[in-house]
Protein backbone atom coordinates (compact mmCIF):
# COMPACT_ATOMS: atom_id res chain seq x y z
CA MET A 1 125.95 -22.18 149.61
CA HIS A 2 127.58 -21.93 153.05
CA SER A 3 128.25 -18.19 152.55
CA LEU A 4 124.67 -17.59 151.32
CA ILE A 5 123.21 -19.29 154.41
CA LEU A 6 125.46 -17.24 156.73
CA SER A 7 124.50 -14.03 154.96
CA ALA A 8 120.79 -14.76 155.23
CA LEU A 9 121.01 -15.63 158.90
CA SER A 10 123.08 -12.53 159.63
CA LEU A 11 120.09 -10.36 158.70
CA LEU A 12 118.13 -11.96 161.54
CA LEU A 13 120.82 -11.87 164.23
CA ARG A 14 121.04 -8.57 166.06
CA ILE A 15 122.52 -8.42 169.53
CA PRO A 16 120.26 -6.33 171.79
CA SER A 17 122.28 -3.49 173.28
CA SER A 18 122.14 0.26 173.53
CA THR A 19 124.28 0.55 170.44
CA SER A 20 122.62 -2.30 168.42
CA THR A 21 125.82 -4.20 167.77
CA THR A 22 125.20 -6.48 164.80
CA LEU A 23 126.39 -9.96 163.92
CA THR A 24 127.20 -10.35 160.25
CA THR A 25 129.69 -12.27 158.10
CA SER A 26 132.97 -11.24 156.55
CA PRO A 27 136.03 -12.88 154.99
CA ALA A 28 138.35 -10.85 157.26
CA PHE A 29 138.43 -9.79 160.89
CA HIS A 30 140.54 -8.57 163.77
CA LEU A 31 140.46 -10.19 167.19
CA LEU A 32 139.66 -8.79 170.65
CA ALA A 33 140.64 -10.47 173.93
CA ILE A 34 137.90 -10.00 176.55
CA PRO A 35 138.81 -11.03 180.10
CA HIS A 36 136.13 -12.78 182.14
CA ASN A 37 137.21 -10.45 184.93
CA THR A 38 135.12 -7.40 184.01
CA SER A 39 137.50 -5.01 185.81
CA LEU A 40 140.18 -5.69 183.16
CA ALA A 41 140.38 -3.96 179.77
CA ILE A 42 139.33 -5.36 176.42
CA SER A 43 142.39 -5.51 174.16
CA PRO A 44 142.92 -6.08 170.43
CA LEU A 45 145.37 -8.83 169.52
CA THR A 46 148.61 -7.84 167.91
CA THR A 47 151.96 -9.53 167.28
CA LEU A 48 155.53 -9.16 168.50
CA HIS A 49 158.38 -10.04 166.16
CA THR A 50 160.61 -12.78 167.58
CA GLY A 51 162.57 -13.97 164.53
CA ALA A 52 162.47 -14.53 160.77
CA GLY A 53 158.86 -15.38 159.98
CA GLN A 54 158.11 -15.77 163.71
CA ASN A 55 155.83 -13.61 165.90
CA ARG A 56 154.24 -13.98 169.34
CA ILE A 57 150.52 -13.17 169.68
CA ALA A 58 150.16 -10.44 172.33
CA LEU A 59 147.66 -8.04 173.86
CA SER A 60 149.94 -5.12 174.65
CA GLN A 61 153.32 -3.52 174.13
CA PRO A 62 155.92 -2.71 176.83
CA THR A 63 155.44 0.62 178.51
CA ASN A 64 158.62 1.98 176.91
CA ALA A 65 157.63 0.96 173.35
CA SER A 66 156.51 3.50 170.77
CA PRO A 67 154.56 3.34 168.54
CA SER A 68 152.15 0.61 169.58
CA PRO A 69 152.04 -2.50 167.38
CA ALA A 70 149.34 -2.49 164.71
CA THR A 71 146.11 -4.46 164.96
CA ILE A 72 146.38 -7.58 162.76
CA ILE A 73 143.78 -8.42 160.07
CA PHE A 74 143.10 -12.16 159.93
CA TYR A 75 141.13 -14.50 157.69
CA GLN A 76 140.09 -18.16 157.89
CA ASN A 77 141.05 -20.75 155.30
CA ALA A 78 138.98 -23.91 155.24
CA THR A 79 137.20 -26.53 153.22
CA SER A 80 135.69 -27.82 156.48
CA SER A 81 135.82 -26.90 160.19
CA ASN A 82 138.30 -29.73 160.78
CA ASP A 83 140.98 -28.29 158.51
CA ALA A 84 140.32 -24.57 159.24
CA THR A 85 143.34 -22.36 159.88
CA ILE A 86 143.60 -18.66 160.79
CA LEU A 87 146.05 -16.60 158.77
CA THR A 88 147.17 -13.06 157.98
CA ASP A 89 149.01 -11.71 154.92
CA VAL A 90 152.35 -9.95 155.03
CA LEU A 91 151.93 -7.12 152.52
CA PRO A 92 153.10 -5.99 150.03
CA GLN A 93 154.89 -9.31 149.49
CA GLY A 94 151.68 -11.31 149.91
CA PHE A 95 152.88 -14.35 151.83
CA PRO A 96 150.78 -15.82 154.66
CA LEU A 97 151.52 -16.28 158.34
CA THR A 98 149.41 -18.75 160.34
CA ILE A 99 148.29 -18.82 163.98
CA PHE A 100 150.08 -21.75 165.65
CA LEU A 101 149.19 -23.14 169.08
CA THR A 102 152.27 -24.70 170.68
CA PRO A 103 151.43 -28.39 171.25
CA PRO A 104 151.88 -29.96 174.69
CA GLY A 105 155.34 -31.48 174.98
CA GLN A 106 157.05 -28.79 172.87
CA THR A 107 157.85 -26.44 175.74
CA THR A 108 159.84 -26.56 178.97
CA THR A 109 157.13 -24.63 180.84
CA SER A 110 154.43 -26.66 182.56
CA PRO A 111 151.12 -26.04 180.71
CA SER A 112 149.32 -26.12 184.04
CA GLU A 113 151.10 -22.93 185.11
CA LYS A 114 150.52 -20.33 182.39
CA GLY A 115 149.42 -22.31 179.37
CA LEU A 116 151.26 -22.63 176.06
CA ALA A 117 152.44 -19.94 173.64
CA ILE A 118 150.45 -18.86 170.58
CA ASP A 119 152.50 -17.69 167.63
CA LEU A 120 151.95 -16.24 164.19
CA THR A 121 154.42 -18.07 162.01
CA VAL A 122 155.48 -19.02 158.50
CA SER A 123 156.55 -22.50 159.64
CA GLY A 124 153.48 -24.12 161.20
CA SER A 125 149.71 -24.14 161.53
CA THR A 126 146.98 -25.48 163.83
CA PRO A 127 144.16 -27.12 161.83
CA GLY A 128 140.82 -26.95 163.63
CA LEU A 129 141.29 -23.39 164.89
CA THR A 130 138.13 -21.56 163.82
CA ILE A 131 135.81 -18.61 164.37
CA SER A 132 132.54 -20.08 165.59
CA LEU A 133 129.26 -18.62 166.85
CA GLU A 134 129.15 -19.93 170.43
CA SER A 135 127.83 -19.30 173.91
CA THR A 136 130.17 -18.20 176.71
CA PRO A 137 129.42 -17.63 180.40
CA ALA A 138 130.77 -14.09 180.08
CA ALA A 139 128.25 -12.90 177.45
CA ASP A 140 124.47 -12.55 177.27
CA GLU A 141 124.24 -13.88 173.69
CA GLN A 142 126.07 -16.13 171.32
CA VAL A 143 129.21 -14.41 170.03
CA PRO A 144 131.83 -15.10 167.31
CA LEU A 145 134.60 -16.80 169.28
CA LEU A 146 138.04 -18.07 168.43
CA LYS A 147 137.69 -21.78 169.17
CA TYR A 148 139.94 -24.83 169.30
CA PRO A 149 138.79 -28.20 170.68
CA GLY A 150 139.25 -28.32 174.45
CA ALA A 151 141.17 -25.02 174.65
CA THR A 152 140.90 -22.22 177.17
CA PHE A 153 142.57 -18.93 176.21
CA LEU A 154 144.58 -16.92 178.75
CA SER A 155 146.12 -13.46 178.87
CA CYS A 156 149.38 -13.54 180.81
CA GLY A 157 151.02 -10.26 181.85
CA ASN A 158 154.59 -9.22 182.70
CA GLU A 159 156.06 -11.75 180.29
CA THR A 160 159.39 -11.37 178.51
CA VAL A 161 159.32 -12.23 174.79
CA GLY A 162 162.43 -13.31 172.91
CA TYR A 163 165.00 -10.57 172.32
CA LEU A 164 162.53 -7.74 172.93
CA PRO A 165 163.04 -5.31 175.81
CA GLY A 166 160.39 -4.77 178.46
CA THR A 167 157.49 -7.02 179.41
CA TYR A 168 154.25 -7.85 177.59
CA THR A 169 150.81 -9.28 178.02
CA VAL A 170 150.70 -12.35 175.77
CA LEU A 171 147.96 -14.70 174.64
CA ASN A 172 148.41 -18.33 175.72
CA TRP A 173 146.21 -21.40 175.52
CA LEU A 174 145.51 -24.15 178.05
CA PRO A 175 144.71 -27.67 176.72
CA GLU A 176 141.68 -29.38 178.18
CA VAL A 177 143.81 -31.97 179.97
CA TYR A 178 145.34 -29.19 182.10
CA ILE A 179 142.20 -27.17 182.76
CA THR A 180 141.55 -26.90 186.47
CA THR A 181 138.27 -26.11 188.21
CA ARG A 182 139.48 -22.52 188.54
CA ALA A 183 140.06 -22.24 184.79
CA ALA A 184 136.69 -23.78 184.00
CA GLU A 185 135.02 -21.24 186.28
CA GLY A 186 136.75 -18.39 184.47
CA VAL A 187 138.96 -16.97 187.22
CA GLU A 188 142.69 -16.30 187.44
CA VAL A 189 144.91 -19.25 186.59
CA GLY A 190 148.62 -19.23 187.52
CA GLY A 191 148.73 -15.44 187.35
CA CYS A 192 146.89 -15.37 184.02
CA GLU A 193 143.33 -14.33 183.19
CA VAL A 194 140.79 -16.41 181.27
CA VAL A 195 139.68 -14.54 178.14
CA ASP A 196 137.24 -14.90 175.29
CA VAL A 197 138.67 -13.96 171.89
CA VAL A 198 136.04 -12.51 169.56
CA ALA A 199 136.07 -11.53 165.90
CA VAL A 200 135.30 -8.01 164.58
CA CYS A 201 134.72 -7.65 160.83
CA GLU A 202 137.31 -6.14 158.52
CA GLU A 203 137.90 -5.78 154.76
CA LEU A 204 140.15 -8.42 153.15
CA GLU A 205 142.77 -6.70 151.02
CA PRO A 206 143.39 -8.38 147.64
CA LEU A 207 146.74 -10.06 147.19
CA PRO A 208 149.26 -8.39 144.87
CA GLU A 209 150.20 -9.92 141.55
CA GLY A 210 152.79 -12.63 142.09
CA ALA A 211 151.82 -13.17 145.75
CA LEU A 212 153.14 -16.29 147.46
CA GLY A 213 149.76 -16.96 149.12
CA THR A 214 146.20 -17.44 147.90
CA HIS A 215 142.67 -16.47 148.96
CA GLU A 216 141.10 -19.37 147.09
CA PHE A 217 139.99 -21.13 150.26
CA VAL A 218 138.99 -18.11 152.36
CA ARG A 219 135.78 -18.81 154.23
CA GLU A 220 133.45 -16.12 155.55
CA VAL A 221 132.97 -16.18 159.32
CA TRP A 222 130.63 -14.64 161.85
CA CYS A 223 131.90 -11.38 163.30
CA PHE A 224 130.65 -8.18 164.94
CA ASP A 225 130.24 -5.31 162.51
CA GLY A 226 132.20 -3.00 164.85
CA GLU A 227 133.61 -2.73 168.36
CA GLU A 228 130.98 -0.34 169.67
CA GLY A 229 128.54 -2.17 171.95
CA ILE A 230 130.67 -5.28 172.49
CA ALA A 231 131.53 -4.25 176.04
CA GLY A 232 127.80 -4.16 176.91
CA ILE A 233 127.28 -7.69 175.64
CA PHE A 234 129.99 -8.83 178.07
CA GLY A 235 128.41 -7.04 181.03
CA ARG A 236 130.71 -4.01 181.10
């Protein structure tokens, strides 16, 4: 029933822009980081390998890296918004990795400086992380946002990541308890930029026979039907 309601509503929701970007629903999506600072580029999220079953969510690769990391296709598992998690499948093996927001207290870096790391991992998950149709000060309309209660998302540049050479722009999150007036107003925080993370629809590839994961609890989410026109919605 939930999926039927979303599908019906999606026929009515069109974002007015010169390219008629459309809101629809899909079981899979990739994610774009859109800085509130309109002079900065929109970037797809990717991952950087940091260990066995461990990856850091990032926006870019080091200048000396080739080829660029691939865009990651995600999906949302949920029976309710409270237990929702965001995952991707490692193919062809078919085992899932889950987006994990480092909790306060599990890092030596002060969260008030650059926020906390966001990983894609086989060993943890963050229930309550969802794609939700929401308003944001940076956009003219409601948009499909990556949301977690009380969180502000940040892009932080010139960061070293694990054993990897070079520097990267990574995605961090700032818990509500650490959000300053500057963060709430959407300006630079501790050398990082406040970003909105939005969903763009993709096809969900079926799992291979004998896969270690399951798509039984995949839930369709709101997403843009393509990237064209998104910049205009965010005043670019």
